[in-house]
N, C-alpha and C. Protein backbone atom coordinates (compact mmCIF):
# COMPACT_ATOMS: atom_id res chain seq x y z
N MET A 1 -3.25 -3.93 49.04
CA MET A 1 -3.12 -4.41 50.58
C MET A 1 -4.88 -4.81 50.96
N PHE A 2 -5.63 -3.82 50.79
CA PHE A 2 -6.99 -4.04 51.05
C PHE A 2 -7.74 -4.38 49.66
N GLU A 3 -8.83 -5.12 49.96
CA GLU A 3 -9.61 -5.67 48.88
C GLU A 3 -10.88 -4.76 48.61
N ASN A 4 -11.58 -4.13 49.44
CA ASN A 4 -12.69 -3.54 49.38
C ASN A 4 -12.91 -2.28 50.18
N CYS A 5 -13.84 -1.21 50.01
CA CYS A 5 -13.97 -0.01 50.95
C CYS A 5 -14.37 -0.37 52.30
N LEU A 6 -14.94 -1.69 52.36
CA LEU A 6 -15.38 -1.79 53.86
C LEU A 6 -13.99 -1.93 54.82
N GLU A 7 -12.72 -2.70 54.27
CA GLU A 7 -11.71 -2.97 54.90
C GLU A 7 -10.94 -1.71 55.05
N ILE A 8 -11.07 -0.63 53.87
CA ILE A 8 -10.44 0.75 54.33
C ILE A 8 -10.97 1.61 55.14
N ARG A 9 -12.51 1.37 55.25
CA ARG A 9 -13.36 2.18 56.29
C ARG A 9 -12.66 1.77 57.81
N ASN A 10 -12.50 0.36 58.04
CA ASN A 10 -12.49 -0.18 59.42
C ASN A 10 -11.09 0.47 59.91
N HIS A 11 -10.28 1.10 59.00
CA HIS A 11 -8.92 1.62 59.33
C HIS A 11 -8.63 2.88 59.27
N PHE A 12 -9.87 3.60 59.13
CA PHE A 12 -9.96 5.33 59.37
C PHE A 12 -9.56 5.58 60.65
N SER A 13 -9.90 4.97 61.57
CA SER A 13 -9.44 5.45 63.00
C SER A 13 -8.31 5.61 63.25
N ASP A 14 -7.61 4.17 62.85
CA ASP A 14 -6.13 4.37 63.15
C ASP A 14 -5.45 5.26 62.17
N TYR A 15 -5.97 5.62 61.01
CA TYR A 15 -5.23 6.43 59.83
C TYR A 15 -5.27 7.94 60.54
N LEU A 16 -6.58 8.20 61.10
CA LEU A 16 -6.38 9.54 61.69
C LEU A 16 -5.88 9.82 62.62
N ASP A 17 -5.49 8.79 63.68
CA ASP A 17 -4.65 9.05 64.87
C ASP A 17 -3.08 8.61 64.60
N ASP A 18 -2.93 8.53 63.34
CA ASP A 18 -1.61 8.08 62.77
C ASP A 18 -0.97 6.80 63.43
N LEU A 19 -1.73 5.59 63.47
CA LEU A 19 -1.52 4.51 64.07
C LEU A 19 -1.22 3.33 63.26
N CYS A 20 -1.38 3.73 61.84
CA CYS A 20 -1.29 2.76 60.78
C CYS A 20 0.07 2.28 60.60
N THR A 21 0.30 1.29 59.88
CA THR A 21 1.75 0.65 59.49
C THR A 21 1.99 1.63 58.46
N PRO A 22 3.06 1.85 57.87
CA PRO A 22 3.48 2.68 56.63
C PRO A 22 2.95 1.83 55.39
N GLU A 23 2.83 0.43 55.31
CA GLU A 23 2.19 -0.21 54.15
C GLU A 23 0.65 0.35 54.38
N ALA A 24 -0.10 0.20 55.42
CA ALA A 24 -1.54 0.48 55.12
C ALA A 24 -1.66 1.84 55.16
N ARG A 25 -0.94 2.67 55.66
CA ARG A 25 -1.16 4.11 55.24
C ARG A 25 -0.86 4.66 53.70
N LYS A 26 0.03 3.66 53.01
CA LYS A 26 0.45 3.98 51.70
C LYS A 26 -0.90 3.40 51.07
N SER A 27 -1.38 1.98 51.36
CA SER A 27 -2.59 1.49 50.57
C SER A 27 -3.86 2.42 50.68
N ILE A 28 -3.95 3.21 51.96
CA ILE A 28 -5.27 3.95 52.17
C ILE A 28 -5.32 5.23 51.58
N ARG A 29 -4.09 5.73 51.24
CA ARG A 29 -3.72 7.07 50.58
C ARG A 29 -4.09 6.78 49.15
N TYR A 30 -3.88 5.29 48.49
CA TYR A 30 -3.97 5.12 47.04
C TYR A 30 -5.25 4.92 46.96
N HIS A 31 -6.12 4.18 47.65
CA HIS A 31 -7.41 3.80 47.86
C HIS A 31 -8.27 5.25 47.54
N LEU A 32 -7.71 6.20 48.48
CA LEU A 32 -8.51 7.80 48.61
C LEU A 32 -8.47 8.29 47.34
N SER A 33 -7.31 8.19 46.76
CA SER A 33 -6.92 8.90 45.48
C SER A 33 -8.08 8.65 44.14
N PHE A 34 -8.70 7.86 44.25
CA PHE A 34 -9.68 7.27 43.30
C PHE A 34 -11.12 6.97 43.73
N CYS A 35 -11.38 6.91 45.17
CA CYS A 35 -12.50 6.61 45.53
C CYS A 35 -13.07 7.87 46.23
N ASP A 36 -14.31 8.38 45.61
CA ASP A 36 -14.85 9.81 45.96
C ASP A 36 -15.83 9.35 47.37
N VAL A 37 -16.50 8.17 47.39
CA VAL A 37 -16.96 7.78 48.63
C VAL A 37 -16.12 7.36 49.80
N CYS A 38 -15.29 6.84 49.65
CA CYS A 38 -14.38 6.82 50.94
C CYS A 38 -13.80 8.02 51.38
N ARG A 39 -13.42 8.73 50.37
CA ARG A 39 -12.99 10.16 50.71
C ARG A 39 -13.83 10.98 51.34
N GLU A 40 -15.05 10.96 51.17
CA GLU A 40 -16.30 11.63 51.78
C GLU A 40 -16.28 11.22 53.03
N GLN A 41 -16.09 10.07 53.56
CA GLN A 41 -16.45 9.18 54.47
C GLN A 41 -15.42 9.44 55.71
N LEU A 42 -14.31 9.80 55.30
CA LEU A 42 -13.06 10.17 55.94
C LEU A 42 -13.13 11.49 56.27
N GLU A 43 -13.59 12.44 55.32
CA GLU A 43 -13.79 14.01 55.79
C GLU A 43 -14.98 13.85 57.19
N GLN A 44 -15.86 12.98 56.85
CA GLN A 44 -17.06 13.15 57.94
C GLN A 44 -16.54 12.62 58.95
N TRP A 45 -15.61 11.68 59.34
CA TRP A 45 -14.81 11.05 60.42
C TRP A 45 -13.99 12.35 60.91
N GLN A 46 -13.49 12.93 60.14
CA GLN A 46 -12.69 14.06 60.61
C GLN A 46 -13.60 15.20 61.21
N SER A 47 -14.49 15.33 60.61
CA SER A 47 -15.52 16.18 61.24
C SER A 47 -16.00 15.91 62.70
N ILE A 48 -16.45 14.70 62.79
CA ILE A 48 -16.85 14.06 64.07
C ILE A 48 -15.65 14.15 64.89
N GLN A 49 -14.48 13.66 64.72
CA GLN A 49 -13.36 13.72 65.67
C GLN A 49 -13.24 15.33 66.28
N GLU A 50 -13.43 16.53 65.18
CA GLU A 50 -12.89 17.54 65.50
C GLU A 50 -14.37 18.03 66.60
N GLU A 51 -15.50 17.71 66.36
CA GLU A 51 -16.65 18.00 67.01
C GLU A 51 -16.35 17.42 68.60
N LEU A 52 -16.32 15.71 68.51
CA LEU A 52 -15.92 15.58 70.02
C LEU A 52 -14.83 16.04 70.56
N ARG A 53 -13.76 16.47 69.95
CA ARG A 53 -12.82 17.23 70.84
C ARG A 53 -13.00 18.62 71.41
N ALA A 54 -14.01 19.02 70.50
CA ALA A 54 -14.49 20.47 71.38
C ALA A 54 -15.63 20.18 72.30
N LEU A 55 -16.04 19.13 72.77
CA LEU A 55 -17.06 19.00 73.76
C LEU A 55 -16.47 19.37 75.26
N PRO A 56 -17.06 19.98 75.99
CA PRO A 56 -16.51 20.29 77.13
C PRO A 56 -16.17 19.20 78.13
N ARG A 57 -15.00 19.18 78.90
CA ARG A 57 -14.52 18.35 79.77
C ARG A 57 -15.18 18.42 81.09
N GLN A 58 -15.33 17.21 81.62
CA GLN A 58 -15.78 16.97 83.25
C GLN A 58 -14.79 17.35 84.11
N GLN A 59 -14.98 18.18 84.72
CA GLN A 59 -13.84 18.49 85.81
C GLN A 59 -14.00 17.72 87.02
N VAL A 60 -12.72 17.27 87.45
CA VAL A 60 -12.86 16.10 88.50
C VAL A 60 -12.89 17.20 89.70
N PRO A 61 -13.50 16.87 90.70
CA PRO A 61 -13.49 17.38 92.16
C PRO A 61 -12.03 17.41 92.94
N PRO A 62 -11.41 18.38 93.49
CA PRO A 62 -10.20 18.60 93.91
C PRO A 62 -9.77 17.26 94.87
N GLU A 63 -11.03 17.21 95.67
CA GLU A 63 -10.81 15.73 96.70
C GLU A 63 -10.77 14.77 95.99
N VAL A 64 -11.11 14.45 94.93
CA VAL A 64 -11.30 12.91 94.42
C VAL A 64 -9.86 12.99 93.68
N ALA A 65 -9.38 14.22 92.88
CA ALA A 65 -8.22 14.16 92.37
C ALA A 65 -7.21 14.02 93.26
N LEU A 66 -7.01 14.39 94.45
CA LEU A 66 -5.96 14.20 95.55
C LEU A 66 -6.06 12.68 95.58
N ARG A 67 -7.42 12.01 96.18
CA ARG A 67 -7.34 10.61 96.43
C ARG A 67 -6.72 9.82 95.21
N LEU A 68 -6.93 10.17 94.05
CA LEU A 68 -6.65 9.34 93.02
C LEU A 68 -4.82 9.50 93.05
N ARG A 69 -4.26 10.73 93.29
CA ARG A 69 -2.55 10.76 93.32
C ARG A 69 -2.29 10.01 94.48
N VAL A 70 -2.92 10.08 95.70
CA VAL A 70 -2.31 9.17 96.54
C VAL A 70 -2.40 7.92 96.20
N GLN A 71 -3.38 7.31 95.79
CA GLN A 71 -3.50 5.73 95.53
C GLN A 71 -2.73 5.62 94.29
N ALA A 72 -2.27 6.30 93.36
CA ALA A 72 -1.44 6.20 92.12
C ALA A 72 -0.12 6.03 92.77
N SER A 73 0.28 6.91 93.64
CA SER A 73 1.46 7.07 94.22
C SER A 73 2.10 5.59 95.12
N LYS A 74 0.99 5.38 95.63
CA LYS A 74 1.10 3.82 96.50
C LYS A 74 1.15 2.94 95.76
N ASP A 75 0.50 2.56 94.62
CA ASP A 75 0.69 1.59 93.52
C ASP A 75 2.03 1.69 93.07
N LEU A 76 2.67 2.72 92.57
CA LEU A 76 3.68 3.01 91.72
C LEU A 76 4.92 2.83 92.49
N ASN A 77 4.81 2.98 93.97
CA ASN A 77 5.87 2.97 94.98
C ASN A 77 5.77 2.01 96.32
N PRO A 78 5.57 1.00 95.85
CA PRO A 78 5.09 -0.21 96.96
C PRO A 78 6.39 -0.38 97.90
N LYS A 79 7.45 -0.41 97.52
CA LYS A 79 8.72 -0.69 97.86
C LYS A 79 8.92 0.09 99.17
N PRO A 80 8.78 1.34 99.32
CA PRO A 80 9.23 1.80 100.36
C PRO A 80 8.36 1.52 101.63
N ILE A 81 7.09 1.59 101.28
CA ILE A 81 6.04 0.87 102.30
C ILE A 81 6.34 -0.24 103.01
N SER A 82 6.52 -1.47 102.19
CA SER A 82 6.97 -2.71 102.49
C SER A 82 8.14 -2.63 103.29
N GLU A 83 9.21 -1.84 103.37
CA GLU A 83 10.51 -1.65 104.02
C GLU A 83 10.13 -1.07 105.42
N HIS A 84 9.40 -0.13 105.41
CA HIS A 84 8.96 0.65 106.58
C HIS A 84 8.05 -0.50 107.59
N TRP A 85 7.47 -1.26 106.82
CA TRP A 85 6.44 -2.44 107.62
C TRP A 85 7.45 -3.36 108.08
N LEU A 86 8.32 -3.76 107.40
CA LEU A 86 9.26 -4.86 107.66
C LEU A 86 10.13 -4.04 108.91
N ARG A 87 10.51 -2.90 108.85
CA ARG A 87 11.01 -2.42 110.18
C ARG A 87 10.42 -2.43 111.47
N ILE A 88 9.00 -2.08 111.28
CA ILE A 88 8.33 -2.01 112.46
C ILE A 88 7.89 -3.39 112.92
N GLU A 89 7.61 -4.38 111.94
CA GLU A 89 7.42 -5.76 112.48
C GLU A 89 8.87 -6.45 113.06
N ASP A 90 10.24 -6.22 112.87
CA ASP A 90 11.14 -6.48 113.61
C ASP A 90 11.18 -5.67 114.85
N ALA A 91 10.74 -4.72 114.98
CA ALA A 91 10.86 -3.88 116.20
C ALA A 91 9.76 -4.40 117.29
N LEU A 92 8.63 -5.01 116.91
CA LEU A 92 8.02 -5.66 117.64
C LEU A 92 7.89 -6.81 118.00
N LYS A 93 8.68 -7.66 117.25
CA LYS A 93 9.07 -9.15 117.42
C LYS A 93 9.25 -9.37 118.95
N PRO A 94 10.09 -8.72 119.58
CA PRO A 94 10.21 -9.13 121.17
C PRO A 94 9.20 -8.89 121.86
N LEU A 95 8.05 -8.13 121.42
CA LEU A 95 6.87 -8.20 122.16
C LEU A 95 5.90 -9.18 122.12
N LEU A 96 6.00 -9.80 120.81
CA LEU A 96 4.67 -10.47 120.56
C LEU A 96 4.58 -11.86 121.47
N LEU A 97 5.54 -12.61 122.07
CA LEU A 97 5.45 -13.56 122.70
C LEU A 97 4.57 -13.13 124.11
N PRO A 98 5.10 -12.01 124.96
CA PRO A 98 4.40 -11.70 126.12
C PRO A 98 2.97 -11.15 125.66
N ALA A 99 2.72 -10.56 124.64
CA ALA A 99 1.41 -9.83 124.48
C ALA A 99 0.30 -11.22 124.18
N THR A 100 1.02 -12.06 123.55
CA THR A 100 0.09 -13.13 122.95
C THR A 100 -0.82 -13.82 124.21
N GLY A 101 -0.44 -13.89 125.28
CA GLY A 101 -1.34 -14.47 126.32
C GLY A 101 -2.43 -13.63 126.75
N GLY A 102 -1.90 -12.12 126.72
CA GLY A 102 -3.04 -11.10 127.06
C GLY A 102 -4.22 -11.07 126.02
N VAL A 103 -3.68 -11.18 124.79
CA VAL A 103 -4.29 -11.22 123.68
C VAL A 103 -5.56 -11.96 123.43
N LEU A 104 -5.11 -13.54 123.79
CA LEU A 104 -5.68 -14.35 123.64
C LEU A 104 -7.08 -14.54 124.97
N THR A 105 -6.57 -14.00 126.03
CA THR A 105 -7.34 -13.75 127.07
C THR A 105 -8.73 -12.97 126.91
N ALA A 106 -8.11 -11.67 126.20
CA ALA A 106 -8.94 -10.74 125.78
C ALA A 106 -10.19 -11.14 124.83
N ILE A 107 -9.66 -12.20 123.66
CA ILE A 107 -10.50 -12.44 122.95
C ILE A 107 -11.49 -13.35 123.60
N ILE A 108 -11.22 -14.30 124.38
CA ILE A 108 -12.05 -15.36 125.09
C ILE A 108 -13.07 -14.66 125.78
N CYS A 109 -12.42 -13.54 126.54
CA CYS A 109 -13.63 -12.80 127.11
C CYS A 109 -14.76 -12.32 126.39
N PHE A 110 -14.02 -11.66 125.35
CA PHE A 110 -15.07 -10.84 124.51
C PHE A 110 -16.20 -11.80 123.62
N CYS A 111 -15.39 -12.93 123.31
CA CYS A 111 -16.52 -13.76 122.62
C CYS A 111 -17.60 -14.52 123.66
N LEU A 112 -17.26 -14.57 124.81
CA LEU A 112 -17.87 -14.98 125.73
C LEU A 112 -19.45 -13.82 126.38
N ILE A 113 -18.82 -12.55 126.28
CA ILE A 113 -19.89 -11.42 126.37
C ILE A 113 -20.67 -11.12 125.20
N MET A 114 -19.94 -11.26 124.17
CA MET A 114 -20.86 -10.99 122.74
C MET A 114 -21.35 -12.03 122.06
N GLY A 115 -21.23 -13.20 122.76
CA GLY A 115 -21.95 -14.66 122.01
C GLY A 115 -23.35 -14.56 121.39
N SER A 116 -24.06 -13.97 122.63
CA SER A 116 -25.36 -13.80 122.22
C SER A 116 -26.15 -12.66 121.68
N GLN A 117 -24.92 -11.81 121.17
CA GLN A 117 -25.20 -10.47 120.49
C GLN A 117 -24.54 -10.50 119.11
N VAL A 118 -25.15 -11.26 118.29
CA VAL A 118 -24.55 -11.77 117.06
C VAL A 118 -25.25 -10.52 116.00
N VAL A 119 -24.53 -10.00 115.10
CA VAL A 119 -25.17 -8.84 114.20
C VAL A 119 -25.44 -10.02 112.87
N PRO A 120 -26.74 -9.95 112.63
CA PRO A 120 -27.16 -10.55 111.30
C PRO A 120 -26.19 -9.97 110.16
N MET A 121 -25.97 -10.80 109.12
CA MET A 121 -25.47 -10.62 108.14
C MET A 121 -26.50 -10.46 106.73
N THR A 122 -26.01 -9.62 105.95
CA THR A 122 -27.14 -9.29 104.80
C THR A 122 -26.42 -9.88 103.73
N ASN A 123 -27.49 -10.31 102.80
CA ASN A 123 -26.85 -10.75 101.43
C ASN A 123 -27.24 -9.60 100.30
N ILE A 124 -27.47 -8.62 100.87
CA ILE A 124 -27.32 -7.53 99.45
C ILE A 124 -26.01 -7.31 99.41
N PRO A 125 -25.70 -7.08 98.15
CA PRO A 125 -24.03 -6.77 97.67
C PRO A 125 -23.90 -5.45 97.66
N ASP A 126 -22.91 -4.67 97.89
CA ASP A 126 -22.54 -3.65 97.80
C ASP A 126 -22.49 -3.04 96.59
N VAL A 127 -23.16 -1.69 96.42
CA VAL A 127 -23.21 -0.96 95.18
C VAL A 127 -22.21 0.22 94.94
N THR A 128 -21.70 0.02 94.04
CA THR A 128 -20.42 0.60 93.71
C THR A 128 -20.80 2.14 92.89
N VAL A 129 -20.90 3.28 93.79
CA VAL A 129 -21.18 4.59 93.10
C VAL A 129 -20.18 5.12 92.39
N GLN A 130 -20.39 5.32 90.86
CA GLN A 130 -19.29 5.89 90.14
C GLN A 130 -19.37 7.23 90.29
N VAL A 131 -18.28 8.15 90.21
CA VAL A 131 -18.14 9.37 90.24
C VAL A 131 -19.07 10.18 89.43
N VAL A 132 -18.70 10.11 88.00
CA VAL A 132 -19.28 10.79 87.02
C VAL A 132 -19.67 9.43 86.13
N THR A 133 -21.06 9.69 85.78
CA THR A 133 -21.48 8.60 84.63
C THR A 133 -22.13 9.37 83.43
N PRO A 134 -21.99 9.00 82.38
CA PRO A 134 -22.54 9.80 80.71
C PRO A 134 -24.16 9.70 80.85
N ALA A 135 -24.86 10.59 79.77
CA ALA A 135 -26.08 10.19 79.68
C ALA A 135 -26.11 9.15 78.72
N ARG A 136 -27.44 8.64 78.75
CA ARG A 136 -27.61 7.31 77.98
C ARG A 136 -28.89 7.13 77.18
N VAL A 137 -29.10 6.51 76.23
CA VAL A 137 -30.31 6.13 75.66
C VAL A 137 -31.22 5.14 76.29
N GLN A 138 -32.37 5.24 76.81
CA GLN A 138 -33.19 4.14 77.44
C GLN A 138 -33.88 3.39 76.34
N ALA A 139 -34.71 4.12 75.75
CA ALA A 139 -35.64 4.00 74.53
C ALA A 139 -35.89 4.82 73.66
N LEU A 140 -35.69 4.48 72.35
CA LEU A 140 -35.88 5.20 71.29
C LEU A 140 -37.31 5.48 70.55
N ALA A 141 -38.10 6.31 70.33
CA ALA A 141 -39.36 6.59 70.18
C ALA A 141 -39.97 5.82 68.37
N PRO A 142 -41.09 4.96 68.52
CA PRO A 142 -41.12 4.43 67.40
C PRO A 142 -41.01 5.17 66.28
N MET A 143 -40.42 4.60 64.82
CA MET A 143 -39.97 5.66 63.88
C MET A 143 -39.66 4.70 62.83
N ASP A 144 -39.69 5.17 61.52
CA ASP A 144 -39.35 4.52 60.44
C ASP A 144 -38.69 5.39 59.04
N PHE A 145 -37.44 5.43 59.08
CA PHE A 145 -36.89 6.02 57.95
C PHE A 145 -35.77 5.68 57.74
N ASN A 146 -35.01 6.25 56.43
CA ASN A 146 -34.02 5.54 56.23
C ASN A 146 -32.90 6.77 55.73
N THR A 147 -31.52 6.64 56.17
CA THR A 147 -30.74 7.69 56.08
C THR A 147 -30.03 7.59 54.91
N GLY A 148 -30.15 6.56 53.89
CA GLY A 148 -29.29 6.33 52.71
C GLY A 148 -28.28 5.73 53.29
N ASP A 149 -27.27 5.99 52.23
CA ASP A 149 -25.75 5.45 52.72
C ASP A 149 -25.13 6.10 53.58
N ASN A 150 -25.09 7.32 53.74
CA ASN A 150 -24.25 7.74 54.66
C ASN A 150 -25.04 7.93 56.32
N PRO A 151 -24.40 7.72 57.37
CA PRO A 151 -25.19 7.64 58.60
C PRO A 151 -25.27 9.31 59.19
N LEU A 152 -26.26 9.21 59.82
CA LEU A 152 -26.59 10.43 60.51
C LEU A 152 -26.26 10.46 62.01
N VAL A 153 -25.22 11.63 61.99
CA VAL A 153 -24.72 11.67 63.25
C VAL A 153 -25.01 13.07 63.69
N LEU A 154 -25.41 12.77 65.25
CA LEU A 154 -26.04 13.99 65.98
C LEU A 154 -25.58 13.84 67.09
N VAL A 155 -25.35 15.37 68.15
CA VAL A 155 -25.01 15.44 69.48
C VAL A 155 -26.62 15.89 70.17
N THR A 156 -27.04 15.11 70.95
CA THR A 156 -28.20 15.48 71.79
C THR A 156 -28.01 15.91 73.39
N GLN A 157 -28.50 17.20 73.47
CA GLN A 157 -28.38 17.65 74.96
C GLN A 157 -29.41 17.06 75.76
N ILE A 158 -29.07 16.51 76.83
CA ILE A 158 -30.07 15.92 77.82
C ILE A 158 -29.86 16.85 79.35
N ASN A 159 -30.89 17.20 79.72
CA ASN A 159 -31.04 17.86 81.03
C ASN A 159 -30.85 16.75 82.01
N ALA A 160 -30.78 17.44 83.29
CA ALA A 160 -30.87 16.45 84.55
C ALA A 160 -32.03 15.75 84.67
N GLU A 161 -33.08 16.22 84.27
CA GLU A 161 -34.44 15.33 84.43
C GLU A 161 -34.54 14.04 83.30
N GLY A 162 -33.49 14.44 82.39
CA GLY A 162 -33.69 13.31 81.19
C GLY A 162 -34.25 13.73 80.00
N HIS A 163 -34.73 14.73 80.00
CA HIS A 163 -35.46 15.73 78.50
C HIS A 163 -34.38 16.08 77.67
N VAL A 164 -34.96 15.97 76.33
CA VAL A 164 -33.93 16.53 75.56
C VAL A 164 -33.98 18.01 75.29
N LYS A 165 -32.73 18.76 75.82
CA LYS A 165 -33.08 20.31 75.39
C LYS A 165 -32.76 20.78 73.95
N GLY A 166 -32.30 20.00 73.36
CA GLY A 166 -32.09 20.11 71.58
C GLY A 166 -30.88 19.45 71.38
N TYR A 167 -30.88 19.40 69.95
CA TYR A 167 -29.63 18.62 69.53
C TYR A 167 -29.22 19.13 68.28
N ARG A 168 -28.11 18.56 67.31
CA ARG A 168 -27.31 19.38 66.19
C ARG A 168 -26.88 18.19 65.69
N VAL A 169 -27.04 18.43 64.37
CA VAL A 169 -26.80 17.31 63.34
C VAL A 169 -25.19 17.65 62.93
N LEU A 170 -24.38 16.60 63.06
CA LEU A 170 -22.87 16.78 62.70
C LEU A 170 -22.86 16.35 61.02
N SER A 171 -23.32 15.10 60.74
CA SER A 171 -23.05 14.70 59.18
C SER A 171 -24.28 14.16 58.83
N GLY A 172 -24.41 13.74 57.56
CA GLY A 172 -25.57 13.27 57.39
C GLY A 172 -26.71 13.89 56.40
N GLN A 173 -27.86 13.09 55.88
CA GLN A 173 -28.74 13.93 54.91
C GLN A 173 -29.60 14.89 56.08
N ARG A 174 -30.16 16.15 55.26
CA ARG A 174 -30.93 16.58 56.27
C ARG A 174 -31.87 17.39 55.42
N SER A 175 -32.69 16.43 54.75
CA SER A 175 -33.67 16.60 54.04
C SER A 175 -34.83 17.20 54.81
N PRO A 176 -35.83 17.71 54.68
CA PRO A 176 -37.19 18.13 55.43
C PRO A 176 -37.83 17.03 56.09
N GLU A 177 -37.94 16.02 55.10
CA GLU A 177 -38.74 14.76 55.68
C GLU A 177 -37.94 14.14 56.99
N ILE A 178 -36.77 13.90 56.65
CA ILE A 178 -35.70 13.36 57.71
C ILE A 178 -35.80 14.34 58.88
N MET A 179 -35.55 15.51 58.81
CA MET A 179 -35.37 16.53 59.95
C MET A 179 -36.92 16.42 60.74
N GLU A 180 -38.03 16.20 59.97
CA GLU A 180 -39.45 16.40 60.54
C GLU A 180 -39.41 14.94 61.49
N ARG A 181 -39.05 13.97 60.94
CA ARG A 181 -39.02 12.73 61.69
C ARG A 181 -38.08 12.44 62.61
N LEU A 182 -36.96 12.82 62.56
CA LEU A 182 -36.10 13.06 63.26
C LEU A 182 -36.57 13.59 64.68
N ASP A 183 -37.09 15.13 64.30
CA ASP A 183 -37.65 15.79 65.55
C ASP A 183 -38.61 15.00 66.62
N ARG A 184 -39.56 14.13 65.95
CA ARG A 184 -40.57 13.54 66.69
C ARG A 184 -39.75 12.43 67.30
N MET A 185 -38.92 11.63 66.42
CA MET A 185 -38.23 10.51 67.17
C MET A 185 -37.38 10.96 68.57
N ILE A 186 -36.47 11.99 68.31
CA ILE A 186 -35.83 12.77 69.64
C ILE A 186 -36.31 12.78 70.85
N TYR A 187 -37.41 13.93 70.34
CA TYR A 187 -38.08 14.49 71.55
C TYR A 187 -39.02 13.48 72.22
N PHE A 188 -39.21 12.41 71.50
CA PHE A 188 -40.39 11.54 72.24
C PHE A 188 -39.43 10.26 72.70
N SER A 189 -38.14 10.36 72.71
CA SER A 189 -37.46 9.15 73.32
C SER A 189 -37.11 9.12 74.70
N VAL A 190 -36.88 8.47 75.39
CA VAL A 190 -36.24 8.50 76.77
C VAL A 190 -34.93 8.19 76.97
N PHE A 191 -34.35 9.17 77.67
CA PHE A 191 -33.03 9.18 77.97
C PHE A 191 -32.70 9.04 79.67
N GLN A 192 -31.49 8.47 79.97
CA GLN A 192 -31.17 8.68 81.22
C GLN A 192 -30.14 9.90 81.49
N PRO A 193 -30.26 10.61 82.25
CA PRO A 193 -29.36 11.80 82.67
C PRO A 193 -28.12 11.45 82.82
N ALA A 194 -27.04 12.17 82.77
CA ALA A 194 -25.73 11.98 83.29
C ALA A 194 -25.90 12.23 84.91
N THR A 195 -24.69 11.56 85.71
CA THR A 195 -24.81 11.92 87.11
C THR A 195 -23.31 12.38 87.37
N ASN A 196 -23.11 13.24 88.45
CA ASN A 196 -22.10 13.86 89.12
C ASN A 196 -22.31 13.41 90.69
N PHE A 197 -21.53 12.51 91.11
CA PHE A 197 -21.52 12.04 92.59
C PHE A 197 -22.89 11.40 92.75
N GLY A 198 -23.81 10.79 91.78
CA GLY A 198 -24.77 10.38 92.05
C GLY A 198 -26.10 11.37 91.87
N LYS A 199 -25.66 12.58 91.55
CA LYS A 199 -26.69 13.56 91.44
C LYS A 199 -27.23 13.83 89.80
N PRO A 200 -28.20 13.95 89.48
CA PRO A 200 -28.39 14.06 87.97
C PRO A 200 -27.88 15.51 87.59
N THR A 201 -27.45 15.61 86.37
CA THR A 201 -26.86 16.81 85.95
C THR A 201 -26.91 16.71 84.16
N ASP A 202 -26.87 17.94 83.66
CA ASP A 202 -26.97 17.95 82.25
C ASP A 202 -25.57 17.25 81.37
N GLY A 203 -26.15 16.79 80.09
CA GLY A 203 -25.11 15.66 79.58
C GLY A 203 -25.37 15.71 78.12
N GLU A 204 -24.73 14.85 77.35
CA GLU A 204 -24.66 14.85 75.83
C GLU A 204 -24.72 13.57 75.49
N VAL A 205 -25.47 13.05 74.60
CA VAL A 205 -25.42 11.77 73.92
C VAL A 205 -25.17 11.91 72.31
N VAL A 206 -24.04 11.32 71.82
CA VAL A 206 -23.92 11.10 70.35
C VAL A 206 -24.40 9.90 69.71
N LEU A 207 -25.13 10.24 68.79
CA LEU A 207 -26.00 9.20 68.12
C LEU A 207 -25.42 9.13 66.61
N SER A 208 -25.46 7.80 66.21
CA SER A 208 -24.98 7.55 64.81
C SER A 208 -26.36 6.54 64.13
N LEU A 209 -26.80 7.14 63.22
CA LEU A 209 -28.12 6.47 63.00
C LEU A 209 -28.06 5.98 61.37
N ARG A 210 -28.13 5.22 60.74
CA ARG A 210 -28.19 4.63 59.11
C ARG A 210 -29.41 4.38 59.08
N ARG A 211 -30.01 3.15 59.16
CA ARG A 211 -31.35 2.82 58.81
C ARG A 211 -32.05 2.28 59.94
N ILE A 212 -33.12 3.31 60.31
CA ILE A 212 -33.93 3.20 61.58
C ILE A 212 -35.37 2.58 61.20
N THR A 213 -35.62 1.51 61.81
CA THR A 213 -36.79 0.54 61.80
C THR A 213 -37.24 0.39 62.95
N VAL A 214 -37.98 1.41 63.73
CA VAL A 214 -38.27 0.97 65.17
C VAL A 214 -39.60 1.30 65.22
N ARG A 215 -40.50 0.14 65.66
CA ARG A 215 -42.00 0.34 65.60
C ARG A 215 -42.42 -0.11 66.97
N GLY A 216 -43.46 0.37 67.34
CA GLY A 216 -44.44 -0.05 68.72
C GLY A 216 -44.85 -1.35 68.69
């Protein structure tokens, strides 16, 4: 079913999540029975998946969770709200015509009074504030090294100031030369800290490095 190792590895995620078709799963198992390289790659995927599942989850504040539940309830149950609105509209219909004249008079008076007091409009667009944002990489320090055929996967801890507190390697080569250059690259790189309600906080960044050639 698959012609090469690359096609097999492209289906590792679905294979681990049990989303493959029976034919694809059978083909992947057959390929893994004789390909040691792909079998090692799959074991690394499983290790990364377990590490990611072990990362701490961000707790949503109670007031935000309440607002989300209320909004979800409104979106899932629009019919009762529309029925109540129709009942209110039917009850107000007899009052609409007598009230129209008074409303129009009030609008005309208000426009005459406020005509010279126009509030200037601004062209600045509204800025959407996200509740929680993850830490991100802004710039990697200049460095040049080769991790070989296997990618180097690591989790980097970033504090609220955007500085690296530490990191741990999940998979890949860990020779003294690579670790020494990796230390210099990580600690001289620039990161954007995670935020919680707009306030910087500690966070983590997962990096997957294969062949790095970054020069200043």
